[in-house]
Amino acid sequence: MQNLNLTRPLVFFDLETTGIDVEKDRIVQLAIIRVEPDGTRRTFESLVNPERPIPPEATRVHGIKDSDVASEPTFSQIKAEVEELLDGADLAGFN
């Protein structure tokens, strides 16, 4: 990261989800690293209750089960913090 000459914050994010359909599937885990132009970093990581069952096919990919997220916050409960971390930043996904 020291070789990057940032003029805007850069946010790296990684998602685990209930599937790949953007209209019906939900996030079950979210990780974010925000790097400011001065090199300062903020991180965020949370399991997320998708408010629906996690299909067995998705659990086979990421290992997250319904019981793992049952008492975790919903996305609407963490939305404000996520929006704050993304605000004004360029985005870089991780796959």
Protein backbone atom coordinates (compact mmCIF):
# COMPACT_ATOMS: atom_id res chain seq x y z
CA MET A 1 0.00 0.00 0.00
CA GLN A 2 2.92 2.36 0.51
CA ASN A 3 3.45 2.65 -3.26
CA LEU A 4 -0.08 3.89 -3.93
CA ASN A 5 -0.43 7.61 -4.50
CA LEU A 6 -4.04 8.05 -3.43
CA THR A 7 -5.96 11.27 -3.91
CA ARG A 8 -9.21 9.75 -2.62
CA PRO A 9 -9.92 7.06 -0.05
CA LEU A 10 -9.84 3.51 -1.37
CA VAL A 11 -12.17 0.84 0.05
CA PHE A 12 -11.54 -2.88 -0.36
CA PHE A 13 -14.52 -5.10 0.38
CA ASP A 14 -15.32 -8.79 0.48
CA LEU A 15 -18.76 -10.38 0.73
CA GLU A 16 -20.13 -13.81 1.52
CA THR A 17 -23.74 -14.26 0.47
CA THR A 18 -26.69 -16.65 0.32
CA GLY A 19 -26.15 -17.01 -3.45
CA ILE A 20 -25.40 -15.08 -6.63
CA ASP A 21 -28.81 -13.66 -7.55
CA VAL A 22 -28.57 -9.91 -6.82
CA GLU A 23 -32.35 -9.58 -6.63
CA LYS A 24 -33.05 -12.28 -4.03
CA ASP A 25 -29.83 -13.23 -2.26
CA ARG A 26 -28.44 -11.52 0.83
CA ILE A 27 -25.13 -10.80 2.50
CA VAL A 28 -24.09 -13.13 5.35
CA GLN A 29 -20.61 -11.68 5.97
CA LEU A 30 -19.00 -8.37 5.09
CA ALA A 31 -15.41 -7.18 5.48
CA ILE A 32 -14.19 -3.68 4.60
CA ILE A 33 -10.79 -1.98 4.71
CA ARG A 34 -10.77 1.78 4.03
CA VAL A 35 -7.39 3.34 3.22
CA GLU A 36 -7.16 7.12 3.38
CA PRO A 37 -4.73 9.09 1.16
CA ASP A 38 -2.47 9.61 4.22
CA GLY A 39 -2.30 5.82 4.74
CA THR A 40 -4.67 5.68 7.71
CA ARG A 41 -6.75 2.48 7.70
CA ARG A 42 -10.16 1.67 9.14
CA THR A 43 -11.52 -1.85 9.15
CA PHE A 44 -14.95 -3.37 9.61
CA GLU A 45 -16.03 -7.01 9.67
CA SER A 46 -19.37 -8.53 10.58
CA LEU A 47 -21.45 -11.62 10.14
CA VAL A 48 -24.89 -10.54 8.93
CA ASN A 49 -28.28 -12.14 9.57
CA PRO A 50 -29.79 -12.42 6.08
CA GLU A 51 -33.32 -12.85 7.50
CA ARG A 52 -33.79 -15.97 5.38
CA PRO A 53 -32.30 -19.48 5.38
CA ILE A 54 -28.81 -19.91 3.95
CA PRO A 55 -28.98 -22.54 1.20
CA PRO A 56 -26.78 -25.63 1.73
CA GLU A 57 -24.97 -24.85 -1.57
CA ALA A 58 -23.87 -21.45 -0.20
CA THR A 59 -22.79 -22.95 3.14
CA ARG A 60 -20.62 -25.43 1.22
CA VAL A 61 -18.80 -22.45 -0.37
CA HIS A 62 -18.24 -20.21 2.68
CA GLY A 63 -19.00 -22.45 5.66
CA ILE A 64 -21.50 -20.04 7.26
CA LYS A 65 -24.64 -21.69 8.64
CA ASP A 66 -27.99 -20.30 9.81
CA SER A 67 -26.95 -20.90 13.42
CA ASP A 68 -23.81 -18.77 12.88
CA VAL A 69 -25.85 -15.69 11.94
CA ALA A 70 -29.03 -16.15 14.00
CA SER A 71 -28.02 -13.59 16.64
CA GLU A 72 -26.04 -11.29 14.32
CA PRO A 73 -27.23 -7.86 13.13
CA THR A 74 -29.25 -7.53 9.95
CA PHE A 75 -27.85 -5.45 7.10
CA SER A 76 -30.23 -2.61 7.95
CA GLN A 77 -28.67 -2.52 11.44
CA ILE A 78 -25.12 -2.03 10.08
CA LYS A 79 -26.06 -0.01 6.99
CA ALA A 80 -25.13 3.41 8.42
CA GLU A 81 -21.63 2.28 9.39
CA VAL A 82 -21.11 0.64 5.98
CA GLU A 83 -22.31 3.78 4.18
CA GLU A 84 -19.90 5.90 6.23
CA LEU A 85 -16.98 3.67 5.29
CA LEU A 86 -17.90 3.78 1.58
CA ASP A 87 -18.64 7.52 1.45
CA GLY A 88 -16.45 9.39 -1.04
CA ALA A 89 -14.21 6.39 -1.69
CA ASP A 90 -13.19 4.49 -4.76
CA LEU A 91 -14.09 0.80 -4.50
CA ALA A 92 -11.93 -2.28 -4.96
CA GLY A 93 -13.56 -5.70 -4.66
CA PHE A 94 -11.83 -8.86 -3.50
CA ASN A 95 -12.60 -12.18 -5.11
